[in-house]
């Protein structure tokens, strides 16, 4: 399985990947993008199975990345890893096809609980 981690913070991308390695998901490879615009190129080039995206980023926000993908007919599995947790943000993510939203700070257990149903 190939997972694209999208976050403008290199440190946060490393934390997300490290946390994934602490879950029951094994045998995945991770690729990274700095923002939504870069993620679109990475998705076209690498065809990941899952996208884990931050919400707030320069160039293109995570929600705009998701909307762009869905408008193009791409139904890739997509979830947010973000500090945004308001009911409005959760609803917007869900309404646009996000499978889950994990709030920061997170644990391996919260990752696993959110991602497992999306991969089922």
N, C-alpha and C. Protein backbone atom coordinates (compact mmCIF):
# COMPACT_ATOMS: atom_id res chain seq x y z
N UNK A 1 0.83 -1.17 0.00
CA UNK A 1 0.00 0.00 0.00
C UNK A 1 0.88 1.24 0.00
N UNK A 2 0.49 2.23 -0.77
CA UNK A 2 1.23 3.48 -0.86
C UNK A 2 0.38 4.59 -0.24
N UNK A 3 0.96 5.35 0.69
CA UNK A 3 0.26 6.42 1.39
C UNK A 3 0.97 7.74 1.11
N UNK A 4 0.19 8.72 0.67
CA UNK A 4 0.70 10.08 0.45
C UNK A 4 0.38 10.92 1.68
N UNK A 5 1.42 11.49 2.30
CA UNK A 5 1.25 12.36 3.45
C UNK A 5 1.49 13.79 2.98
N UNK A 6 0.46 14.64 3.17
CA UNK A 6 0.51 16.02 2.67
C UNK A 6 0.46 16.98 3.86
N UNK A 7 1.53 17.72 4.06
CA UNK A 7 1.59 18.70 5.14
C UNK A 7 2.71 19.67 4.81
N UNK A 8 2.50 20.95 5.11
CA UNK A 8 3.54 21.93 4.82
C UNK A 8 4.69 21.87 5.81
N UNK A 9 4.53 21.11 6.89
CA UNK A 9 5.60 20.94 7.88
C UNK A 9 6.29 19.59 7.68
N UNK A 10 7.58 19.62 7.35
CA UNK A 10 8.35 18.39 7.20
C UNK A 10 8.33 17.59 8.50
N UNK A 11 8.45 18.29 9.64
CA UNK A 11 8.44 17.60 10.93
C UNK A 11 7.12 16.87 11.13
N UNK A 12 6.00 17.50 10.77
CA UNK A 12 4.70 16.85 10.95
C UNK A 12 4.56 15.65 10.01
N UNK A 13 5.06 15.76 8.79
CA UNK A 13 5.02 14.60 7.88
C UNK A 13 5.79 13.44 8.49
N UNK A 14 6.95 13.72 9.11
CA UNK A 14 7.74 12.67 9.73
C UNK A 14 7.00 12.05 10.92
N UNK A 15 6.30 12.88 11.70
CA UNK A 15 5.53 12.38 12.85
C UNK A 15 4.38 11.49 12.37
N UNK A 16 3.69 11.91 11.33
CA UNK A 16 2.58 11.12 10.78
C UNK A 16 3.09 9.76 10.32
N UNK A 17 4.19 9.75 9.58
CA UNK A 17 4.75 8.48 9.07
C UNK A 17 5.22 7.60 10.23
N UNK A 18 5.87 8.20 11.21
CA UNK A 18 6.31 7.43 12.38
C UNK A 18 5.11 6.83 13.11
N UNK A 19 4.06 7.61 13.27
CA UNK A 19 2.86 7.12 13.95
C UNK A 19 2.22 5.98 13.16
N UNK A 20 2.18 6.10 11.84
CA UNK A 20 1.65 5.02 11.01
C UNK A 20 2.42 3.72 11.23
N UNK A 21 3.73 3.85 11.37
CA UNK A 21 4.56 2.66 11.58
C UNK A 21 4.30 2.00 12.93
N UNK A 22 3.69 2.74 13.86
CA UNK A 22 3.38 2.22 15.18
C UNK A 22 1.99 1.56 15.22
N UNK A 23 1.30 1.54 14.09
CA UNK A 23 -0.02 0.91 14.01
C UNK A 23 0.10 -0.49 13.44
N UNK A 24 -1.04 -1.14 13.30
CA UNK A 24 -1.08 -2.50 12.75
C UNK A 24 -0.89 -2.52 11.24
N UNK A 25 -0.89 -1.35 10.60
CA UNK A 25 -0.71 -1.31 9.16
C UNK A 25 0.76 -1.57 8.85
N UNK A 26 1.01 -2.58 8.07
CA UNK A 26 2.40 -2.88 7.74
C UNK A 26 2.54 -2.98 6.23
N UNK A 27 3.75 -2.92 5.79
CA UNK A 27 4.00 -3.07 4.37
C UNK A 27 3.58 -1.87 3.54
N UNK A 28 3.45 -0.70 4.15
CA UNK A 28 3.12 0.48 3.36
C UNK A 28 4.39 1.25 3.02
N UNK A 29 4.31 1.99 1.95
CA UNK A 29 5.38 2.93 1.64
C UNK A 29 4.77 4.32 1.68
N UNK A 30 5.54 5.28 2.16
CA UNK A 30 5.04 6.64 2.30
C UNK A 30 5.74 7.55 1.29
N UNK A 31 4.95 8.42 0.70
CA UNK A 31 5.48 9.50 -0.13
C UNK A 31 4.95 10.79 0.46
N UNK A 32 5.60 11.90 0.14
CA UNK A 32 5.28 13.16 0.80
C UNK A 32 5.07 14.29 -0.19
N UNK A 33 4.19 15.24 0.23
CA UNK A 33 3.98 16.47 -0.53
C UNK A 33 3.87 17.62 0.46
N UNK A 34 4.33 18.80 0.02
CA UNK A 34 4.33 20.00 0.87
C UNK A 34 2.99 20.72 0.93
N UNK A 35 2.15 20.52 -0.07
CA UNK A 35 0.87 21.23 -0.13
C UNK A 35 -0.04 20.53 -1.14
N UNK A 36 -1.26 21.02 -1.26
CA UNK A 36 -2.22 20.40 -2.15
C UNK A 36 -1.82 20.41 -3.61
N UNK A 37 -1.20 21.50 -4.05
CA UNK A 37 -0.79 21.59 -5.45
C UNK A 37 0.26 20.52 -5.77
N UNK A 38 1.22 20.37 -4.88
CA UNK A 38 2.25 19.33 -5.07
C UNK A 38 1.61 17.94 -4.97
N UNK A 39 0.63 17.80 -4.09
CA UNK A 39 -0.04 16.51 -3.92
C UNK A 39 -0.74 16.06 -5.20
N UNK A 40 -1.34 16.98 -5.92
CA UNK A 40 -2.02 16.62 -7.18
C UNK A 40 -1.02 15.97 -8.14
N UNK A 41 0.18 16.55 -8.23
CA UNK A 41 1.22 15.97 -9.09
C UNK A 41 1.65 14.60 -8.58
N UNK A 42 1.81 14.47 -7.27
CA UNK A 42 2.24 13.20 -6.68
C UNK A 42 1.18 12.11 -6.90
N UNK A 43 -0.08 12.47 -6.79
CA UNK A 43 -1.16 11.51 -6.99
C UNK A 43 -1.18 11.03 -8.43
N UNK A 44 -1.02 11.95 -9.37
CA UNK A 44 -1.00 11.57 -10.78
C UNK A 44 0.19 10.67 -11.09
N UNK A 45 1.34 10.98 -10.50
CA UNK A 45 2.57 10.25 -10.80
C UNK A 45 2.66 8.91 -10.07
N UNK A 46 2.27 8.88 -8.79
CA UNK A 46 2.53 7.70 -7.95
C UNK A 46 1.30 6.85 -7.65
N UNK A 47 0.09 7.36 -7.92
CA UNK A 47 -1.15 6.61 -7.70
C UNK A 47 -1.22 5.97 -6.30
N UNK A 48 -1.16 6.79 -5.23
CA UNK A 48 -1.23 6.22 -3.89
C UNK A 48 -2.61 5.61 -3.61
N UNK A 49 -2.66 4.75 -2.59
CA UNK A 49 -3.91 4.12 -2.18
C UNK A 49 -4.69 4.98 -1.18
N UNK A 50 -3.97 5.86 -0.49
CA UNK A 50 -4.57 6.67 0.56
C UNK A 50 -3.84 8.00 0.64
N UNK A 51 -4.60 9.07 0.87
CA UNK A 51 -4.02 10.40 1.10
C UNK A 51 -4.35 10.82 2.52
N UNK A 52 -3.33 11.24 3.27
CA UNK A 52 -3.49 11.82 4.60
C UNK A 52 -3.03 13.26 4.49
N UNK A 53 -3.97 14.19 4.64
CA UNK A 53 -3.66 15.60 4.38
C UNK A 53 -3.96 16.50 5.56
N UNK A 54 -3.10 17.49 5.72
CA UNK A 54 -3.37 18.59 6.64
C UNK A 54 -4.49 19.44 6.03
N UNK A 55 -5.14 20.26 6.82
CA UNK A 55 -6.20 21.13 6.33
C UNK A 55 -5.62 22.45 5.84
N UNK A 56 -4.84 23.12 6.71
CA UNK A 56 -4.30 24.45 6.40
C UNK A 56 -2.88 24.37 5.88
N UNK A 57 -2.73 24.75 4.61
CA UNK A 57 -1.41 24.76 3.97
C UNK A 57 -1.37 25.90 2.97
N UNK A 58 -0.17 26.42 2.67
CA UNK A 58 -0.06 27.42 1.59
C UNK A 58 -0.24 26.74 0.23
N UNK A 59 -0.38 27.52 -0.79
CA UNK A 59 -0.55 27.05 -2.18
C UNK A 59 -1.95 26.51 -2.40
N UNK A 60 -2.29 25.42 -1.71
CA UNK A 60 -3.62 24.83 -1.83
C UNK A 60 -3.94 24.10 -0.53
N UNK A 61 -5.03 24.51 0.10
CA UNK A 61 -5.45 23.87 1.35
C UNK A 61 -5.87 22.43 1.09
N UNK A 62 -5.88 21.66 2.16
CA UNK A 62 -6.28 20.26 2.05
C UNK A 62 -7.69 20.08 1.53
N UNK A 63 -8.63 20.92 2.00
CA UNK A 63 -10.01 20.79 1.53
C UNK A 63 -10.11 21.11 0.04
N UNK A 64 -9.30 22.05 -0.43
CA UNK A 64 -9.30 22.37 -1.86
C UNK A 64 -8.69 21.24 -2.68
N UNK A 65 -7.70 20.56 -2.11
CA UNK A 65 -7.14 19.38 -2.76
C UNK A 65 -8.23 18.32 -2.92
N UNK A 66 -8.96 18.06 -1.83
CA UNK A 66 -10.02 17.05 -1.87
C UNK A 66 -11.08 17.43 -2.90
N UNK A 67 -11.52 18.68 -2.89
CA UNK A 67 -12.55 19.13 -3.84
C UNK A 67 -12.05 18.98 -5.27
N UNK A 68 -10.78 19.32 -5.51
CA UNK A 68 -10.19 19.21 -6.84
C UNK A 68 -10.18 17.76 -7.31
N UNK A 69 -9.78 16.85 -6.42
CA UNK A 69 -9.74 15.43 -6.78
C UNK A 69 -11.13 14.91 -7.11
N UNK A 70 -12.11 15.23 -6.26
CA UNK A 70 -13.48 14.74 -6.48
C UNK A 70 -14.07 15.33 -7.76
N UNK A 71 -13.80 16.62 -8.04
CA UNK A 71 -14.30 17.25 -9.26
C UNK A 71 -13.72 16.59 -10.50
N UNK A 72 -12.50 16.05 -10.37
CA UNK A 72 -11.85 15.37 -11.50
C UNK A 72 -12.27 13.90 -11.58
N UNK A 73 -13.17 13.47 -10.68
CA UNK A 73 -13.64 12.09 -10.71
C UNK A 73 -12.72 11.11 -9.99
N UNK A 74 -11.76 11.63 -9.22
CA UNK A 74 -10.83 10.76 -8.50
C UNK A 74 -11.41 10.44 -7.13
N UNK A 75 -11.69 9.17 -6.89
CA UNK A 75 -12.29 8.74 -5.62
C UNK A 75 -11.28 8.09 -4.68
N UNK A 76 -10.03 8.52 -4.76
CA UNK A 76 -8.99 8.01 -3.87
C UNK A 76 -9.43 8.14 -2.42
N UNK A 77 -9.05 7.16 -1.59
CA UNK A 77 -9.35 7.25 -0.16
C UNK A 77 -8.57 8.42 0.43
N UNK A 78 -9.26 9.25 1.21
CA UNK A 78 -8.72 10.53 1.64
C UNK A 78 -9.14 10.81 3.07
N UNK A 79 -8.18 11.20 3.89
CA UNK A 79 -8.48 11.60 5.26
C UNK A 79 -7.65 12.79 5.68
N UNK A 80 -8.14 13.51 6.66
CA UNK A 80 -7.43 14.68 7.17
C UNK A 80 -6.76 14.36 8.50
N UNK A 81 -5.54 14.88 8.65
CA UNK A 81 -4.80 14.87 9.91
C UNK A 81 -4.58 16.35 10.21
N UNK A 82 -5.35 16.92 11.14
CA UNK A 82 -5.37 18.36 11.29
C UNK A 82 -5.66 18.80 12.71
N UNK A 83 -5.34 20.04 13.01
CA UNK A 83 -5.71 20.62 14.30
C UNK A 83 -7.11 21.21 14.22
N UNK A 84 -7.67 21.29 13.03
CA UNK A 84 -9.04 21.79 12.86
C UNK A 84 -10.01 20.71 13.33
N UNK A 85 -10.92 21.07 14.24
CA UNK A 85 -11.81 20.03 14.76
C UNK A 85 -13.24 20.52 14.96
N UNK A 86 -13.55 21.69 14.45
CA UNK A 86 -14.90 22.22 14.66
C UNK A 86 -15.93 21.36 13.91
N UNK A 87 -17.17 21.37 14.36
CA UNK A 87 -18.22 20.62 13.66
C UNK A 87 -18.36 21.05 12.20
N UNK A 88 -18.13 22.34 11.92
CA UNK A 88 -18.24 22.84 10.55
C UNK A 88 -17.15 22.24 9.65
N UNK A 89 -15.93 22.16 10.18
CA UNK A 89 -14.83 21.57 9.42
C UNK A 89 -15.09 20.09 9.18
N UNK A 90 -15.53 19.39 10.22
CA UNK A 90 -15.83 17.96 10.07
C UNK A 90 -16.91 17.73 9.02
N UNK A 91 -17.96 18.57 9.04
CA UNK A 91 -19.05 18.42 8.08
C UNK A 91 -18.56 18.71 6.66
N UNK A 92 -17.76 19.77 6.50
CA UNK A 92 -17.24 20.10 5.17
C UNK A 92 -16.38 18.97 4.63
N UNK A 93 -15.54 18.39 5.49
CA UNK A 93 -14.69 17.28 5.08
C UNK A 93 -15.56 16.10 4.63
N UNK A 94 -16.54 15.75 5.45
CA UNK A 94 -17.42 14.62 5.14
C UNK A 94 -18.23 14.88 3.87
N UNK A 95 -18.78 16.08 3.75
CA UNK A 95 -19.60 16.43 2.59
C UNK A 95 -18.82 16.36 1.28
N UNK A 96 -17.50 16.53 1.37
CA UNK A 96 -16.67 16.51 0.17
C UNK A 96 -15.99 15.17 -0.06
N UNK A 97 -16.32 14.18 0.75
CA UNK A 97 -15.84 12.83 0.48
C UNK A 97 -14.66 12.35 1.30
N UNK A 98 -14.31 13.08 2.37
CA UNK A 98 -13.24 12.59 3.23
C UNK A 98 -13.75 11.39 4.02
N UNK A 99 -12.92 10.37 4.16
CA UNK A 99 -13.31 9.16 4.89
C UNK A 99 -13.20 9.35 6.40
N UNK A 100 -12.32 10.26 6.83
CA UNK A 100 -12.12 10.47 8.27
C UNK A 100 -11.37 11.77 8.50
N UNK A 101 -11.37 12.20 9.76
CA UNK A 101 -10.61 13.37 10.18
C UNK A 101 -10.02 13.03 11.54
N UNK A 102 -8.70 13.02 11.63
CA UNK A 102 -7.99 12.77 12.89
C UNK A 102 -7.44 14.11 13.36
N UNK A 103 -7.72 14.44 14.62
CA UNK A 103 -7.24 15.73 15.13
C UNK A 103 -5.89 15.57 15.82
N UNK A 104 -5.08 16.61 15.68
CA UNK A 104 -3.80 16.69 16.36
C UNK A 104 -4.07 17.21 17.77
N UNK A 105 -3.39 16.73 18.79
CA UNK A 105 -2.42 15.65 18.76
C UNK A 105 -3.13 14.31 18.62
N UNK A 106 -2.42 13.34 18.07
CA UNK A 106 -3.00 12.03 17.81
C UNK A 106 -2.11 10.95 18.39
N UNK A 107 -2.65 9.73 18.43
CA UNK A 107 -1.91 8.58 18.93
C UNK A 107 -1.98 7.49 17.86
N UNK A 108 -1.14 6.47 17.97
CA UNK A 108 -1.27 5.34 17.04
C UNK A 108 -2.67 4.73 17.09
N UNK A 109 -3.27 4.67 18.29
CA UNK A 109 -4.62 4.11 18.41
C UNK A 109 -5.66 4.95 17.68
N UNK A 110 -5.57 6.27 17.79
CA UNK A 110 -6.56 7.12 17.11
C UNK A 110 -6.38 7.02 15.59
N UNK A 111 -5.14 6.89 15.14
CA UNK A 111 -4.87 6.69 13.70
C UNK A 111 -5.52 5.40 13.22
N UNK A 112 -5.24 4.34 13.96
CA UNK A 112 -5.73 3.03 13.56
C UNK A 112 -7.26 3.00 13.54
N UNK A 113 -7.88 3.58 14.55
CA UNK A 113 -9.34 3.60 14.64
C UNK A 113 -9.96 4.37 13.47
N UNK A 114 -9.32 5.44 13.04
CA UNK A 114 -9.86 6.24 11.94
C UNK A 114 -9.59 5.63 10.57
N UNK A 115 -8.39 5.11 10.39
CA UNK A 115 -7.97 4.65 9.06
C UNK A 115 -8.50 3.26 8.73
N UNK A 116 -8.57 2.37 9.70
CA UNK A 116 -8.98 0.98 9.42
C UNK A 116 -10.31 0.88 8.66
N UNK A 117 -11.37 1.60 9.08
CA UNK A 117 -12.62 1.51 8.31
C UNK A 117 -12.48 2.02 6.87
N UNK A 118 -11.63 3.01 6.67
CA UNK A 118 -11.45 3.57 5.32
C UNK A 118 -10.75 2.57 4.40
N UNK A 119 -9.95 1.68 4.98
CA UNK A 119 -9.21 0.72 4.17
C UNK A 119 -9.95 -0.61 4.03
N UNK A 120 -11.05 -0.77 4.76
CA UNK A 120 -11.80 -2.03 4.74
C UNK A 120 -12.50 -2.24 3.40
